[in-house]
């Protein structure tokens, strides 16, 4: 996937609004107190609640599993098949492969994962 930039506006209570040049748009928020990503878009609502192990979530009637951010890599699985592969970079998250189920929310997913990575980095810097 090629690099892309999107206009993102800050909203209240930590929400980020993703501006869609073709109309519409969506919003995303990382809730650090509950360690969850919330995405609201025209195609649906997604909530990913992270756990120490075995984080799963529902999207469009299917259950997905997400790996921890080990070695700056994130993978989302549908069963044993990877459907999203991402890498943390200095500027955010780079989606390296993306299944068709996640294409309508690719920007929001990248922003949410990037917000979580930033929050975890800040906690590690504060503790360390």
C-alpha atoms as a PDB file:
ATOM      1  CA  UNK A   1       0.000   0.000   0.000  1.00  0.00           C
ATOM      2  CA  UNK A   2       1.307   3.427  -0.839  1.00  0.00           C
ATOM      3  CA  UNK A   3       1.691   6.169   1.757  1.00  0.00           C
ATOM      4  CA  UNK A   4      -1.288   8.480   2.110  1.00  0.00           C
ATOM      5  CA  UNK A   5      -2.038  11.544   4.171  1.00  0.00           C
ATOM      6  CA  UNK A   6      -5.475  12.510   5.421  1.00  0.00           C
ATOM      7  CA  UNK A   7      -6.879  15.617   7.007  1.00  0.00           C
ATOM      8  CA  UNK A   8      -7.670  14.961  10.677  1.00  0.00           C
ATOM      9  CA  UNK A   9      -9.356  17.464  12.963  1.00  0.00           C
ATOM     10  CA  UNK A  10      -9.341  17.383  16.749  1.00  0.00           C
ATOM     11  CA  UNK A  11     -12.655  17.227  18.498  1.00  0.00           C
ATOM     12  CA  UNK A  12     -13.808  17.252  22.089  1.00  0.00           C
ATOM     13  CA  UNK A  13     -13.018  14.494  24.585  1.00  0.00           C
ATOM     14  CA  UNK A  14     -10.171  13.056  22.520  1.00  0.00           C
ATOM     15  CA  UNK A  15     -12.134  12.409  19.319  1.00  0.00           C
ATOM     16  CA  UNK A  16     -10.381  12.815  15.976  1.00  0.00           C
ATOM     17  CA  UNK A  17     -12.500  13.561  12.905  1.00  0.00           C
ATOM     18  CA  UNK A  18     -11.233  12.067   9.653  1.00  0.00           C
ATOM     19  CA  UNK A  19     -12.184  14.274   6.727  1.00  0.00           C
ATOM     20  CA  UNK A  20     -13.204  12.322   3.634  1.00  0.00           C
ATOM     21  CA  UNK A  21     -12.594  14.348   0.445  1.00  0.00           C
ATOM     22  CA  UNK A  22     -15.448  12.430  -1.235  1.00  0.00           C
ATOM     23  CA  UNK A  23     -17.973  13.406   1.467  1.00  0.00           C
ATOM     24  CA  UNK A  24     -18.942  11.805   4.744  1.00  0.00           C
ATOM     25  CA  UNK A  25     -16.195  11.080   7.190  1.00  0.00           C
ATOM     26  CA  UNK A  26     -15.785   9.324  10.495  1.00  0.00           C
ATOM     27  CA  UNK A  27     -14.361   9.784  13.954  1.00  0.00           C
ATOM     28  CA  UNK A  28     -11.946   7.792  16.085  1.00  0.00           C
ATOM     29  CA  UNK A  29     -10.859   7.931  19.717  1.00  0.00           C
ATOM     30  CA  UNK A  30      -8.375   6.054  21.876  1.00  0.00           C
ATOM     31  CA  UNK A  31      -9.560   5.814  25.483  1.00  0.00           C
ATOM     32  CA  UNK A  32      -6.408   5.266  27.530  1.00  0.00           C
ATOM     33  CA  UNK A  33      -8.244   4.686  30.826  1.00  0.00           C
ATOM     34  CA  UNK A  34     -10.098   1.700  29.386  1.00  0.00           C
ATOM     35  CA  UNK A  35      -7.416   0.836  26.784  1.00  0.00           C
ATOM     36  CA  UNK A  36      -9.825   0.776  23.872  1.00  0.00           C
ATOM     37  CA  UNK A  37     -10.205   2.211  20.381  1.00  0.00           C
ATOM     38  CA  UNK A  38     -13.611   3.514  19.319  1.00  0.00           C
ATOM     39  CA  UNK A  39     -14.433   4.085  15.642  1.00  0.00           C
ATOM     40  CA  UNK A  40     -17.721   5.555  14.429  1.00  0.00           C
ATOM     41  CA  UNK A  41     -18.226   5.677  10.672  1.00  0.00           C
ATOM     42  CA  UNK A  42     -20.986   5.394   8.106  1.00  0.00           C
ATOM     43  CA  UNK A  43     -20.199   1.670   7.700  1.00  0.00           C
ATOM     44  CA  UNK A  44     -20.547   0.865  11.398  1.00  0.00           C
ATOM     45  CA  UNK A  45     -19.270   1.160  14.953  1.00  0.00           C
ATOM     46  CA  UNK A  46     -16.112  -0.646  16.058  1.00  0.00           C
ATOM     47  CA  UNK A  47     -14.757  -1.024  19.568  1.00  0.00           C
ATOM     48  CA  UNK A  48     -11.457  -2.766  20.278  1.00  0.00           C
ATOM     49  CA  UNK A  49     -10.888  -3.416  24.000  1.00  0.00           C
ATOM     50  CA  UNK A  50      -7.296  -4.426  24.540  1.00  0.00           C
ATOM     51  CA  UNK A  51      -6.409  -7.096  27.084  1.00  0.00           C
ATOM     52  CA  UNK A  52      -3.086  -8.416  28.312  1.00  0.00           C
ATOM     53  CA  UNK A  53      -3.557 -11.467  26.071  1.00  0.00           C
ATOM     54  CA  UNK A  54      -5.991 -12.709  23.452  1.00  0.00           C
ATOM     55  CA  UNK A  55      -7.638  -9.433  22.436  1.00  0.00           C
ATOM     56  CA  UNK A  56     -10.631 -10.153  20.233  1.00  0.00           C
ATOM     57  CA  UNK A  57     -13.309  -7.902  18.748  1.00  0.00           C
ATOM     58  CA  UNK A  58     -16.368  -8.089  16.520  1.00  0.00           C
ATOM     59  CA  UNK A  59     -16.589  -6.302  13.184  1.00  0.00           C
ATOM     60  CA  UNK A  60     -19.374  -6.865  10.652  1.00  0.00           C
ATOM     61  CA  UNK A  61     -20.471 -10.125  12.256  1.00  0.00           C
ATOM     62  CA  UNK A  62     -17.018 -11.721  12.434  1.00  0.00           C
ATOM     63  CA  UNK A  63     -14.645 -12.173  15.370  1.00  0.00           C
ATOM     64  CA  UNK A  64     -11.083 -10.973  14.883  1.00  0.00           C
ATOM     65  CA  UNK A  65      -7.979 -11.367  17.036  1.00  0.00           C
ATOM     66  CA  UNK A  66      -5.303  -8.691  17.337  1.00  0.00           C
ATOM     67  CA  UNK A  67      -1.717  -9.287  18.432  1.00  0.00           C
ATOM     68  CA  UNK A  68       0.181  -7.154  20.904  1.00  0.00           C
ATOM     69  CA  UNK A  69       2.568  -4.517  19.581  1.00  0.00           C
ATOM     70  CA  UNK A  70       5.668  -6.682  19.818  1.00  0.00           C
ATOM     71  CA  UNK A  71       8.659  -5.579  17.728  1.00  0.00           C
ATOM     72  CA  UNK A  72       6.589  -2.664  16.392  1.00  0.00           C
ATOM     73  CA  UNK A  73       4.295  -5.034  14.485  1.00  0.00           C
ATOM     74  CA  UNK A  74       0.511  -5.371  14.709  1.00  0.00           C
ATOM     75  CA  UNK A  75      -1.461  -8.155  13.058  1.00  0.00           C
ATOM     76  CA  UNK A  76      -5.214  -8.711  12.992  1.00  0.00           C
ATOM     77  CA  UNK A  77      -6.324 -12.284  12.304  1.00  0.00           C
ATOM     78  CA  UNK A  78      -9.558 -13.789  11.035  1.00  0.00           C
ATOM     79  CA  UNK A  79      -9.089 -17.260  12.484  1.00  0.00           C
ATOM     80  CA  UNK A  80      -5.515 -18.098  11.467  1.00  0.00           C
ATOM     81  CA  UNK A  81      -5.510 -15.845   8.392  1.00  0.00           C
ATOM     82  CA  UNK A  82      -3.926 -12.384   8.749  1.00  0.00           C
ATOM     83  CA  UNK A  83      -6.254  -9.690   7.399  1.00  0.00           C
ATOM     84  CA  UNK A  84      -4.392  -6.573   8.581  1.00  0.00           C
ATOM     85  CA  UNK A  85      -0.650  -6.203   8.968  1.00  0.00           C
ATOM     86  CA  UNK A  86       0.751  -2.929  10.251  1.00  0.00           C
ATOM     87  CA  UNK A  87       4.054  -1.535  11.420  1.00  0.00           C
ATOM     88  CA  UNK A  88       4.695   1.261  13.889  1.00  0.00           C
ATOM     89  CA  UNK A  89       6.822   4.082  12.485  1.00  0.00           C
ATOM     90  CA  UNK A  90       8.139   7.338  13.924  1.00  0.00           C
ATOM     91  CA  UNK A  91       5.239   9.188  12.318  1.00  0.00           C
ATOM     92  CA  UNK A  92       2.415   6.760  13.141  1.00  0.00           C
ATOM     93  CA  UNK A  93       1.239   3.422  11.813  1.00  0.00           C
ATOM     94  CA  UNK A  94       1.857   2.080   8.322  1.00  0.00           C
ATOM     95  CA  UNK A  95      -0.739  -0.401   7.088  1.00  0.00           C
ATOM     96  CA  UNK A  96       1.238  -2.895   5.002  1.00  0.00           C
ATOM     97  CA  UNK A  97      -1.663  -5.152   4.045  1.00  0.00           C
ATOM     98  CA  UNK A  98      -5.376  -4.685   4.538  1.00  0.00           C
ATOM     99  CA  UNK A  99      -8.239  -7.095   3.973  1.00  0.00           C
ATOM    100  CA  UNK A 100     -11.424  -5.947   2.226  1.00  0.00           C
ATOM    101  CA  UNK A 101     -13.457  -5.911   5.479  1.00  0.00           C
ATOM    102  CA  UNK A 102     -11.248  -3.152   6.894  1.00  0.00           C
ATOM    103  CA  UNK A 103     -10.785  -0.997   3.793  1.00  0.00           C
ATOM    104  CA  UNK A 104     -13.759   1.306   4.597  1.00  0.00           C
ATOM    105  CA  UNK A 105     -12.144   2.200   7.961  1.00  0.00           C
ATOM    106  CA  UNK A 106      -8.449   1.977   7.090  1.00  0.00           C
ATOM    107  CA  UNK A 107      -7.714   5.608   8.012  1.00  0.00           C
ATOM    108  CA  UNK A 108      -9.590   5.416  11.313  1.00  0.00           C
ATOM    109  CA  UNK A 109      -7.925   2.119  12.223  1.00  0.00           C
ATOM    110  CA  UNK A 110      -4.454   3.516  11.503  1.00  0.00           C
ATOM    111  CA  UNK A 111      -5.167   6.635  13.574  1.00  0.00           C
ATOM    112  CA  UNK A 112      -6.576   4.635  16.501  1.00  0.00           C
ATOM    113  CA  UNK A 113      -3.624   2.230  16.542  1.00  0.00           C
ATOM    114  CA  UNK A 114      -1.246   5.189  16.282  1.00  0.00           C
ATOM    115  CA  UNK A 115      -2.917   6.948  19.225  1.00  0.00           C
ATOM    116  CA  UNK A 116      -2.603   3.789  21.327  1.00  0.00           C
ATOM    117  CA  UNK A 117       1.063   3.349  20.381  1.00  0.00           C
ATOM    118  CA  UNK A 118       1.769   6.974  21.344  1.00  0.00           C
ATOM    119  CA  UNK A 119      -0.001   6.562  24.702  1.00  0.00           C
ATOM    120  CA  UNK A 120       1.954   3.375  25.496  1.00  0.00           C
ATOM    121  CA  UNK A 121       5.226   5.077  24.534  1.00  0.00           C
ATOM    122  CA  UNK A 122       4.457   8.012  26.838  1.00  0.00           C
ATOM    123  CA  UNK A 123       3.700   5.642  29.732  1.00  0.00           C
ATOM    124  CA  UNK A 124       6.936   3.719  29.116  1.00  0.00           C
ATOM    125  CA  UNK A 125       8.933   6.977  29.038  1.00  0.00           C
ATOM    126  CA  UNK A 126       7.315   8.169  32.252  1.00  0.00           C
ATOM    127  CA  UNK A 127       7.881   4.875  34.100  1.00  0.00           C
ATOM    128  CA  UNK A 128      11.337   4.268  32.641  1.00  0.00           C
END
